[in-house]
Amino acid sequence: LTGSAWGGWANYTASPLRAFENEMGAQPPFGFWDPVGFTADGDVDAYKRRRQTEIKHGRIAMLATMGYMTPEITGKWPGFLSPSAGLKFEDVPNGLAAISKVPVEGWAQILGWMAFCETSKSQAPGTPGAVGDFGWKLITSDDPVVKERKLASELANGRLAMVAIMGMFFQDGLTGSAFGDFAIKQGSAWLAFENELGVQAPVGFWDPAGFTADGSVENFKRRRQTELKHGRISMLATMGYITPEITGKFPGYLSPSAGLKFADVPNGLAAISKVPAAGWG
């Protein structure tokens, strides 16, 4: 994107991404981060719509994450969730297992509240609702600097919560527990590999895509072999990017016959076109 291994935007002034690099949410250490290229066309309206969606999803994810965690930490309310159905709050498990326990009337209330939130205030472009302002000012500030910091924190926390809730969903679906307790799911094929080399704290055995779900030892060993190979190549490639920037390049010629000096070869992807055919061979 920038023509530099270190992302020097000063070298790439024509990038549409520069239109958004000073927007709220462009925070250290990544700055403006859009690896998929959603903003590559520089469309401001599309950017604002995605920001509106990000805020909304982040808020939902923060509530969902707390909904997973809080009952585990504080316990559940006493009494009945549905007296007519004889359903107590303590009868409703945490996580995905709760879906089948909530009565139809409960789902109607949840959906009704969601509809109210969506329709109670205009979210058309240019309105306060479009930027997430629904009039709830309990923790806001009249100081513009403090307010901007709080709004930026909301974005950052919402992003973290979106990642967190998806991790909890995967763990819950695979282990039956929102916190990934494999001890309660002894039939899991993952248990076959939980003591293998590479299973390290804090994540433990981590396979969110479920590659090892079939329990195949042969496939596990083949993937481990590939992982080691790719890891070694990546370590060399990373040092190849970093070292010339720090220590400088070798003196003299890379190819005397072509008159090509080491100093003439740029770092990163630009080097591909500079290496002679004999060098690739």
Protein backbone atom coordinates (compact mmCIF):
# COMPACT_ATOMS: atom_id res chain seq x y z
CA LEU A 1 0.00 0.00 0.00
CA THR A 2 2.77 2.46 0.87
CA GLY A 3 5.80 1.21 -1.04
CA SER A 4 7.67 0.86 2.25
CA ALA A 5 8.18 -2.18 4.45
CA TRP A 6 7.38 0.06 7.45
CA GLY A 7 4.25 1.65 6.03
CA GLY A 8 5.65 5.12 5.37
CA TRP A 9 2.51 6.94 4.26
CA ALA A 10 4.61 9.96 3.33
CA ASN A 11 5.77 7.89 0.35
CA TYR A 12 2.21 7.20 -0.82
CA THR A 13 0.35 10.49 -0.85
CA ALA A 14 -2.16 9.30 -3.45
CA SER A 15 -3.62 6.56 -1.24
CA PRO A 16 -7.40 6.92 -0.64
CA LEU A 17 -6.72 5.61 2.87
CA ARG A 18 -5.19 8.98 3.72
CA ALA A 19 -8.70 10.45 3.57
CA PHE A 20 -9.50 8.60 6.81
CA GLU A 21 -6.16 8.35 8.62
CA ASN A 22 -7.11 11.17 11.04
CA GLU A 23 -10.61 9.87 11.78
CA MET A 24 -11.56 8.79 15.29
CA GLY A 25 -10.62 5.16 15.82
CA ALA A 26 -7.28 5.41 14.04
CA GLN A 27 -5.35 4.53 17.20
CA PRO A 28 -1.90 3.22 18.10
CA PRO A 29 -0.33 0.83 17.48
CA PHE A 30 -2.02 0.16 14.12
CA GLY A 31 -3.14 3.65 13.16
CA PHE A 32 -5.68 3.49 10.36
CA TRP A 33 -6.03 -0.26 9.82
CA ASP A 34 -8.04 -1.63 6.91
CA PRO A 35 -6.32 -4.82 5.70
CA VAL A 36 -9.30 -5.90 3.60
CA GLY A 37 -9.40 -2.58 1.75
CA PHE A 38 -13.01 -1.56 2.42
CA THR A 39 -12.01 2.10 2.17
CA ALA A 40 -9.76 1.70 -0.87
CA ASP A 41 -12.21 3.63 -3.07
CA GLY A 42 -12.14 6.67 -0.75
CA ASP A 43 -15.95 6.77 -0.55
CA VAL A 44 -16.78 8.98 2.46
CA ASP A 45 -20.46 7.96 2.61
CA ALA A 46 -19.57 4.27 2.65
CA TYR A 47 -16.97 4.96 5.35
CA LYS A 48 -19.54 6.73 7.55
CA ARG A 49 -22.04 3.89 7.09
CA ARG A 50 -19.44 1.33 8.15
CA ARG A 51 -18.45 3.46 11.15
CA GLN A 52 -22.12 3.62 12.17
CA THR A 53 -22.32 -0.17 11.89
CA GLU A 54 -19.06 -0.62 13.82
CA ILE A 55 -20.35 1.45 16.73
CA LYS A 56 -23.62 -0.49 16.83
CA HIS A 57 -21.96 -3.90 16.64
CA GLY A 58 -19.37 -2.87 19.22
CA ARG A 59 -22.07 -1.85 21.70
CA ILE A 60 -23.98 -5.09 21.18
CA ALA A 61 -20.76 -7.09 21.56
CA MET A 62 -19.87 -5.30 24.82
CA LEU A 63 -23.31 -6.14 26.25
CA ALA A 64 -23.03 -9.73 25.02
CA THR A 65 -19.56 -10.18 26.49
CA MET A 66 -20.70 -8.87 29.86
CA GLY A 67 -23.76 -11.10 29.58
CA TYR A 68 -21.42 -14.09 29.32
CA MET A 69 -19.08 -13.02 32.10
CA THR A 70 -21.28 -11.41 34.77
CA PRO A 71 -23.37 -14.46 35.78
CA GLU A 72 -20.17 -16.49 36.09
CA ILE A 73 -18.68 -13.92 38.47
CA THR A 74 -21.63 -12.54 40.44
CA GLY A 75 -24.16 -15.35 40.14
CA LYS A 76 -27.74 -15.02 38.89
CA TRP A 77 -30.78 -13.18 40.15
CA PRO A 78 -32.97 -14.96 42.64
CA GLY A 79 -36.57 -15.86 41.85
CA PHE A 80 -38.37 -16.67 38.63
CA LEU A 81 -37.67 -15.58 35.09
CA SER A 82 -41.06 -16.94 34.05
CA PRO A 83 -43.40 -17.80 36.96
CA SER A 84 -46.03 -19.22 34.59
CA ALA A 85 -43.46 -21.62 33.12
CA GLY A 86 -41.86 -22.34 36.50
CA LEU A 87 -38.53 -21.15 35.07
CA LYS A 88 -36.02 -19.64 37.50
CA PHE A 89 -33.11 -17.42 36.53
CA GLU A 90 -30.75 -20.05 37.89
CA ASP A 91 -32.28 -22.60 35.48
CA VAL A 92 -30.95 -20.67 32.49
CA PRO A 93 -27.36 -21.67 31.67
CA ASN A 94 -24.78 -19.20 30.42
CA GLY A 95 -23.84 -18.96 26.78
CA LEU A 96 -25.36 -20.66 23.78
CA ALA A 97 -27.22 -23.23 25.89
CA ALA A 98 -29.51 -20.41 27.10
CA ILE A 99 -31.05 -20.05 23.63
CA SER A 100 -33.27 -23.10 24.06
CA LYS A 101 -34.30 -22.10 27.60
CA VAL A 102 -35.68 -18.61 26.95
CA PRO A 103 -39.49 -18.71 26.51
CA VAL A 104 -41.08 -17.46 23.30
CA GLU A 105 -42.41 -14.44 25.18
CA GLY A 106 -38.86 -13.66 26.26
CA TRP A 107 -37.63 -13.66 22.69
CA ALA A 108 -40.55 -11.41 21.74
CA GLN A 109 -39.44 -8.91 24.41
CA ILE A 110 -35.84 -9.03 23.20
CA LEU A 111 -36.80 -8.50 19.57
CA GLY A 112 -39.26 -5.76 20.56
CA TRP A 113 -36.54 -3.90 22.44
CA MET A 114 -34.18 -4.23 19.46
CA ALA A 115 -36.86 -2.82 17.16
CA PHE A 116 -37.46 0.08 19.54
CA CYS A 117 -33.75 0.93 19.61
CA GLU A 118 -33.63 0.89 15.81
CA THR A 119 -36.74 3.01 15.24
CA SER A 120 -36.84 5.35 18.27
CA LYS A 121 -34.40 7.81 16.71
CA SER A 122 -33.52 8.65 13.15
CA GLN A 123 -30.20 7.20 12.02
CA ALA A 124 -30.23 8.83 8.60
CA PRO A 125 -26.93 10.30 7.36
CA GLY A 126 -26.13 13.60 9.03
CA THR A 127 -28.27 13.00 12.13
CA PRO A 128 -26.92 12.49 15.68
CA GLY A 129 -28.16 8.89 15.56
CA ALA A 130 -25.94 8.21 12.55
CA VAL A 131 -22.86 8.76 14.74
CA GLY A 132 -24.26 6.77 17.66
CA ASP A 133 -25.69 9.67 19.69
CA PHE A 134 -29.02 8.50 21.11
CA GLY A 135 -29.18 11.14 23.83
CA TRP A 136 -27.77 8.99 26.66
CA LYS A 137 -25.38 11.38 28.39
CA LEU A 138 -24.65 9.64 31.69
CA ILE A 139 -20.90 9.26 31.16
CA THR A 140 -20.25 11.98 28.59
CA SER A 141 -18.32 15.20 29.18
CA ASP A 142 -18.60 18.86 28.25
CA ASP A 143 -14.84 18.98 27.73
CA PRO A 144 -14.24 18.27 23.99
CA VAL A 145 -10.89 16.58 24.67
CA VAL A 146 -12.33 14.28 27.34
CA LYS A 147 -15.38 13.55 25.20
CA GLU A 148 -13.24 12.59 22.22
CA ARG A 149 -11.13 10.31 24.42
CA LYS A 150 -14.24 8.59 25.76
CA LEU A 151 -15.68 8.10 22.28
CA ALA A 152 -12.35 6.68 21.10
CA SER A 153 -12.34 4.35 24.11
CA GLU A 154 -15.81 3.16 23.20
CA LEU A 155 -14.62 2.25 19.71
CA ALA A 156 -11.56 0.42 21.04
CA ASN A 157 -13.55 -1.45 23.69
CA GLY A 158 -16.23 -2.34 21.15
CA ARG A 159 -13.61 -3.79 18.81
CA LEU A 160 -12.13 -5.85 21.63
CA ALA A 161 -15.60 -7.04 22.63
CA MET A 162 -16.41 -8.16 19.08
CA VAL A 163 -13.29 -10.33 19.07
CA ALA A 164 -14.01 -11.55 22.61
CA ILE A 165 -17.62 -12.59 22.02
CA MET A 166 -16.70 -14.50 18.86
CA GLY A 167 -14.00 -16.33 20.83
CA MET A 168 -16.55 -17.18 23.51
CA PHE A 169 -19.00 -18.46 20.89
CA PHE A 170 -16.35 -20.76 19.43
CA GLN A 171 -15.27 -22.03 22.84
CA ASP A 172 -18.85 -22.53 23.93
CA GLY A 173 -19.79 -24.42 20.79
CA LEU A 174 -16.75 -26.69 20.99
CA THR A 175 -16.56 -27.34 24.72
CA GLY A 176 -20.01 -26.57 26.09
CA SER A 177 -18.56 -23.75 28.21
CA ALA A 178 -18.15 -20.07 27.39
CA PHE A 179 -14.71 -20.20 28.97
CA GLY A 180 -13.44 -23.24 27.09
CA ASP A 181 -13.52 -25.87 29.85
CA PHE A 182 -12.44 -29.02 28.00
CA ALA A 183 -12.80 -31.06 31.19
CA ILE A 184 -16.57 -31.04 30.78
CA LYS A 185 -16.41 -32.38 27.23
CA GLN A 186 -14.32 -35.53 27.43
CA GLY A 187 -15.45 -36.68 23.99
CA SER A 188 -13.81 -33.74 22.24
CA ALA A 189 -11.31 -34.75 19.57
CA TRP A 190 -9.17 -31.80 20.68
CA LEU A 191 -8.23 -33.63 23.85
CA ALA A 192 -6.05 -35.88 21.68
CA PHE A 193 -3.67 -32.97 21.08
CA GLU A 194 -3.91 -30.84 24.23
CA ASN A 195 -0.53 -32.08 25.52
CA GLU A 196 1.35 -31.66 22.25
CA LEU A 197 4.36 -29.34 21.88
CA GLY A 198 3.16 -25.83 21.17
CA VAL A 199 0.18 -25.92 23.53
CA GLN A 200 1.21 -22.94 25.63
CA ALA A 201 -0.30 -20.47 28.07
CA PRO A 202 -2.35 -18.35 27.95
CA VAL A 203 -4.33 -19.77 25.03
CA GLY A 204 -3.63 -23.47 25.53
CA PHE A 205 -4.63 -25.68 22.59
CA TRP A 206 -5.99 -23.17 20.11
CA ASP A 207 -7.71 -24.26 16.93
CA PRO A 208 -10.63 -21.87 16.31
CA ALA A 209 -11.08 -23.10 12.73
CA GLY A 210 -11.49 -26.69 13.92
CA PHE A 211 -8.79 -28.25 11.74
CA THR A 212 -8.23 -30.98 14.34
CA ALA A 213 -11.91 -31.65 15.00
CA ASP A 214 -11.70 -35.04 13.27
CA GLY A 215 -9.02 -36.22 15.70
CA SER A 216 -6.74 -37.39 12.88
CA VAL A 217 -3.20 -37.78 14.25
CA GLU A 218 -1.76 -38.06 10.74
CA ASN A 219 -3.33 -34.77 9.66
CA PHE A 220 -2.17 -33.10 12.89
CA LYS A 221 1.44 -34.18 12.27
CA ARG A 222 1.31 -33.02 8.65
CA ARG A 223 0.01 -29.62 9.70
CA ARG A 224 2.62 -29.36 12.46
CA GLN A 225 5.33 -30.08 9.85
CA THR A 226 3.90 -27.34 7.64
CA GLU A 227 3.65 -24.95 10.60
CA LEU A 228 7.32 -25.44 11.46
CA LYS A 229 8.39 -24.90 7.86
CA HIS A 230 6.29 -21.76 7.40
CA GLY A 231 7.43 -20.43 10.76
CA ARG A 232 11.11 -20.79 9.85
CA ILE A 233 10.61 -19.13 6.47
CA SER A 234 8.67 -16.28 8.11
CA MET A 235 11.38 -15.73 10.72
CA LEU A 236 14.00 -15.42 7.99
CA ALA A 237 11.75 -13.13 5.93
CA THR A 238 11.03 -10.89 8.92
CA MET A 239 14.72 -10.53 9.72
CA GLY A 240 15.35 -9.87 6.03
CA TYR A 241 13.03 -6.89 6.24
CA ILE A 242 14.33 -5.59 9.56
CA THR A 243 18.11 -6.11 9.43
CA PRO A 244 19.02 -3.87 6.43
CA GLU A 245 16.99 -1.02 7.96
CA ILE A 246 18.94 -1.28 11.21
CA THR A 247 22.46 -2.34 10.23
CA GLY A 248 22.65 -1.13 6.66
CA LYS A 249 23.56 -3.23 3.61
CA PHE A 250 26.68 -5.06 2.53
CA PRO A 251 29.31 -2.98 0.71
CA GLY A 252 30.25 -3.79 -2.85
CA TYR A 253 28.42 -5.50 -5.66
CA LEU A 254 25.60 -8.01 -5.60
CA SER A 255 26.15 -8.61 -9.31
CA PRO A 256 29.41 -7.21 -10.73
CA SER A 257 28.46 -8.26 -14.26
CA ALA A 258 25.20 -6.30 -14.04
CA GLY A 259 26.79 -3.41 -12.14
CA LEU A 260 24.28 -3.97 -9.32
CA LYS A 261 25.37 -2.99 -5.81
CA PHE A 262 23.78 -4.25 -2.60
CA ALA A 263 22.93 -0.61 -1.85
CA ASP A 264 20.90 -0.48 -5.08
CA VAL A 265 18.44 -3.12 -3.89
CA PRO A 266 15.54 -1.59 -1.92
CA ASN A 267 13.96 -3.31 1.05
CA GLY A 268 10.64 -5.10 0.83
CA LEU A 269 8.60 -5.98 -2.24
CA ALA A 270 10.42 -3.44 -4.43
CA ALA A 271 13.47 -5.72 -4.28
CA ILE A 272 11.73 -8.37 -6.39
CA SER A 273 12.26 -6.48 -9.65
CA LYS A 274 15.92 -5.72 -8.82
CA VAL A 275 17.19 -9.26 -8.25
CA PRO A 276 18.79 -10.64 -11.44
CA ALA A 277 17.45 -13.83 -12.99
CA ALA A 278 20.66 -15.61 -11.97
CA GLY A 279 19.93 -14.61 -8.36
CA TRP A 280 16.46 -16.20 -8.48
CA GLY A 281 18.01 -19.30 -9.99
